[in-house]
Structures are given as structure tokens and as C-alpha cells.
Amino acid sequence: MTTEVEEERNLIEILEEGVSIDINKYTKYVQSPHCGAIATFSGTTRDEFDGKSVLELRYEAYVPMAVRRIKSICSSARSSWNLHSIAVAHRLGRVPVGEVSVFIAVSSVHRIDALDASKFLIDELKASVPIWKKEVYTNGEVWKENPEFFQRR
């Protein structure tokens, strides 16, 4: 597990295979009596894609670069919105159907900042962080690139 905690109140974790995301941990991390809003995003493995039955997702990452890139995305979010705390967690390895692979929590004084920053964070993570996803189907498997990545090219 890689953890980054810095003075800006960011918690970034890339979790080893077999370690589930504790949504309560990250939500509690961003809580503050100064904040009236906590926005979260939870990316969950679904059971179907494009008519194919999905068994699981598998994630790999270049962890040091992934953490650096997520830190950079957090800094960009802070330059655009008034945020108190940010937590980002992403699993590696197998993520079965119904389980969370990525979780983001953002707190701010007002909801609009937290909501907009949460969307920005997941979109930027999908577009630019070196975390790779393989979809495993009942009849095969394929490495997937996110649509956000293609939009950047």
C-alpha cells in the first residue's frame, strides 16, 4: 500500500491486490466541522459491458508514477475549487463484480466545489494516471483504455 499524506490534506492510496477499499475510512478523512459538503465517487465493477458478461476487472499500475500523477491532479483541483480535503483510493489486482475499484472523497465549505472537484478528479484519473484495466469476461478478456484517455489524444 502506498500512502501520501501532505499538508494540503490529501490522502492517496494505491491498494495492493486483495485489499478492499474502506469507504468509511476515506469519508472520515475528509470530514471537518468547517465543511458543509462531502462529495464522493465510487467506481464499481459491473456485471456486463457491451453485451458481454463480466466476471471481474484486473488492475495493474506503475505505483510511484500513479501517486505522483494523482498528487498533481489534486493540486490542479485545489487551484480551481476551494477544497478542504481530498482522498483518492484505487485497488490493484482482481476486483470482482459488485466491488469498488476506485473511490474519491472531497470536502469543501459549499457543495458546488466538492461536486465539481469530484468529477474533475475521476475524469483526470481515468485520462492520465498509469493504472491499466483488464476486463475478464465469461468468454475471454481484453485490456481496456478509458474513453477519457482517447479524448486526450
Protein backbone atom coordinates (compact mmCIF):
# COMPACT_ATOMS: atom_id res chain seq x y z
CA MET A 1 0.00 0.00 0.00
CA THR A 2 1.27 3.45 -0.91
CA THR A 3 0.10 6.36 1.21
CA GLU A 4 0.69 10.06 0.70
CA VAL A 5 -0.48 12.47 3.36
CA GLU A 6 0.58 16.04 2.91
CA GLU A 7 -0.06 19.47 4.41
CA GLU A 8 -2.82 20.07 1.85
CA ARG A 9 -4.92 17.32 3.46
CA ASN A 10 -4.66 14.81 0.63
CA LEU A 11 -4.75 11.07 1.21
CA ILE A 12 -3.73 8.99 -1.80
CA GLU A 13 -3.61 5.20 -1.62
CA ILE A 14 -2.93 2.58 -4.26
CA LEU A 15 -4.05 -0.63 -2.56
CA GLU A 16 -2.34 -3.98 -3.02
CA GLU A 17 -4.18 -6.92 -4.50
CA GLY A 18 -6.76 -8.38 -2.15
CA VAL A 19 -7.18 -5.17 -0.12
CA SER A 20 -10.70 -3.74 -0.34
CA ILE A 21 -11.48 -0.04 -0.27
CA ASP A 22 -12.84 1.08 3.10
CA ILE A 23 -15.22 3.84 2.00
CA ASN A 24 -15.80 4.94 5.61
CA LYS A 25 -12.06 5.49 6.15
CA TYR A 26 -11.79 7.95 3.26
CA THR A 27 -15.07 9.69 4.03
CA LYS A 28 -13.98 10.20 7.66
CA TYR A 29 -10.61 11.51 6.48
CA VAL A 30 -12.24 14.37 4.58
CA GLN A 31 -14.82 15.25 7.27
CA SER A 32 -14.40 18.58 9.00
CA PRO A 33 -16.60 20.87 11.09
CA HIS A 34 -15.56 23.64 8.64
CA CYS A 35 -17.17 21.84 5.70
CA GLY A 36 -20.81 21.66 4.71
CA ALA A 37 -20.22 19.23 1.84
CA ILE A 38 -18.59 15.90 1.14
CA ALA A 39 -18.86 14.59 -2.41
CA THR A 40 -17.86 11.04 -3.22
CA PHE A 41 -17.40 8.91 -6.30
CA SER A 42 -17.36 5.13 -6.13
CA GLY A 43 -16.34 3.16 -9.23
CA THR A 44 -17.77 -0.35 -9.01
CA THR A 45 -17.26 -3.40 -11.22
CA ARG A 46 -20.46 -4.04 -13.16
CA ASP A 47 -21.59 -7.43 -14.47
CA GLU A 48 -21.97 -6.51 -18.15
CA PHE A 49 -20.17 -4.49 -20.80
CA ASP A 50 -21.24 -4.20 -24.42
CA GLY A 51 -23.40 -7.32 -24.18
CA LYS A 52 -20.63 -9.42 -22.59
CA SER A 53 -20.85 -10.94 -19.12
CA VAL A 54 -18.07 -9.53 -16.93
CA LEU A 55 -16.54 -11.80 -14.27
CA GLU A 56 -14.05 -9.32 -12.83
CA LEU A 57 -11.68 -6.46 -13.55
CA ARG A 58 -7.93 -6.67 -13.03
CA TYR A 59 -5.81 -3.58 -12.44
CA GLU A 60 -2.08 -3.00 -12.75
CA ALA A 61 -0.19 0.23 -12.13
CA TYR A 62 3.17 1.88 -12.11
CA VAL A 63 2.62 2.93 -8.50
CA PRO A 64 5.23 5.70 -7.98
CA MET A 65 4.13 7.49 -11.14
CA ALA A 66 0.44 6.90 -10.36
CA VAL A 67 0.83 8.52 -6.93
CA ARG A 68 2.74 11.48 -8.39
CA ARG A 69 0.12 11.99 -11.08
CA ILE A 70 -2.77 11.81 -8.58
CA LYS A 71 -0.96 14.36 -6.37
CA SER A 72 -0.71 16.65 -9.39
CA ILE A 73 -4.41 16.21 -10.15
CA CYS A 74 -5.25 17.07 -6.53
CA SER A 75 -3.16 20.26 -6.81
CA SER A 76 -4.98 21.20 -10.01
CA ALA A 77 -8.33 20.65 -8.31
CA ARG A 78 -7.28 22.86 -5.41
CA SER A 79 -6.30 25.63 -7.83
CA SER A 80 -9.80 25.57 -9.35
CA TRP A 81 -12.01 25.00 -6.30
CA ASN A 82 -11.95 25.87 -2.61
CA LEU A 83 -11.37 22.41 -1.09
CA HIS A 84 -10.62 21.27 2.43
CA SER A 85 -9.59 17.62 2.00
CA ILE A 86 -9.22 15.06 -0.77
CA ALA A 87 -8.98 11.28 -0.52
CA VAL A 88 -8.30 9.00 -3.51
CA ALA A 89 -8.01 5.22 -3.30
CA HIS A 90 -7.54 2.73 -6.15
CA ARG A 91 -7.27 -1.05 -5.94
CA LEU A 92 -4.85 -3.24 -7.83
CA GLY A 93 -5.35 -6.86 -8.84
CA ARG A 94 -8.72 -8.63 -9.04
CA VAL A 95 -11.88 -6.62 -8.41
CA PRO A 96 -14.95 -8.89 -8.64
CA VAL A 97 -18.38 -7.75 -9.80
CA GLY A 98 -20.06 -5.52 -7.22
CA GLU A 99 -16.84 -4.39 -5.53
CA VAL A 100 -15.32 -0.90 -5.55
CA SER A 101 -12.14 -0.37 -7.58
CA VAL A 102 -11.76 3.40 -7.14
CA PHE A 103 -13.09 5.82 -4.53
CA ILE A 104 -12.80 9.59 -4.28
CA ALA A 105 -13.98 11.81 -1.42
CA VAL A 106 -13.75 15.60 -1.42
CA SER A 107 -14.81 18.08 1.25
CA SER A 108 -15.49 21.79 0.94
CA VAL A 109 -17.43 24.56 2.60
CA HIS A 110 -20.03 24.55 -0.20
CA ARG A 111 -21.36 21.63 -2.25
CA ILE A 112 -20.62 23.02 -5.72
CA ASP A 113 -16.85 22.95 -5.09
CA ALA A 114 -16.91 19.37 -3.78
CA LEU A 115 -19.18 18.10 -6.56
CA ASP A 116 -17.26 19.76 -9.40
CA ALA A 117 -13.88 18.73 -7.98
CA SER A 118 -15.02 15.12 -7.55
CA LYS A 119 -15.99 14.88 -11.23
CA PHE A 120 -12.73 16.55 -12.28
CA LEU A 121 -10.67 14.14 -10.14
CA ILE A 122 -12.19 10.94 -11.54
CA ASP A 123 -12.10 12.22 -15.13
CA GLU A 124 -8.43 13.22 -14.82
CA LEU A 125 -7.53 9.98 -13.06
CA LYS A 126 -9.11 7.95 -15.88
CA ALA A 127 -7.44 10.10 -18.56
CA SER A 128 -3.89 10.34 -17.27
CA VAL A 129 -2.91 8.08 -14.36
CA PRO A 130 -0.87 4.96 -15.27
CA ILE A 131 -3.37 2.41 -13.98
CA TRP A 132 -4.37 -0.24 -16.52
CA LYS A 133 -7.59 -2.25 -16.56
CA LYS A 134 -8.30 -5.69 -17.97
CA GLU A 135 -11.92 -6.80 -18.29
CA VAL A 136 -12.36 -10.53 -17.80
CA TYR A 137 -15.47 -11.97 -19.46
CA THR A 138 -17.06 -15.40 -19.42
CA ASN A 139 -15.67 -15.86 -22.96
CA GLY A 140 -12.29 -14.07 -22.88
CA GLU A 141 -10.54 -10.95 -21.65
CA VAL A 142 -9.28 -7.63 -23.00
CA TRP A 143 -7.13 -4.73 -21.79
CA LYS A 144 -9.23 -1.55 -21.89
CA GLU A 145 -8.36 2.09 -22.41
CA ASN A 146 -10.68 4.67 -20.91
CA PRO A 147 -12.65 6.97 -23.24
CA GLU A 148 -11.12 9.93 -21.35
CA PHE A 149 -7.67 8.76 -22.49
CA PHE A 150 -8.78 8.70 -26.14
CA GLN A 151 -10.27 12.20 -25.84
CA ARG A 152 -6.82 13.49 -24.79
CA ARG A 153 -5.02 12.04 -27.83
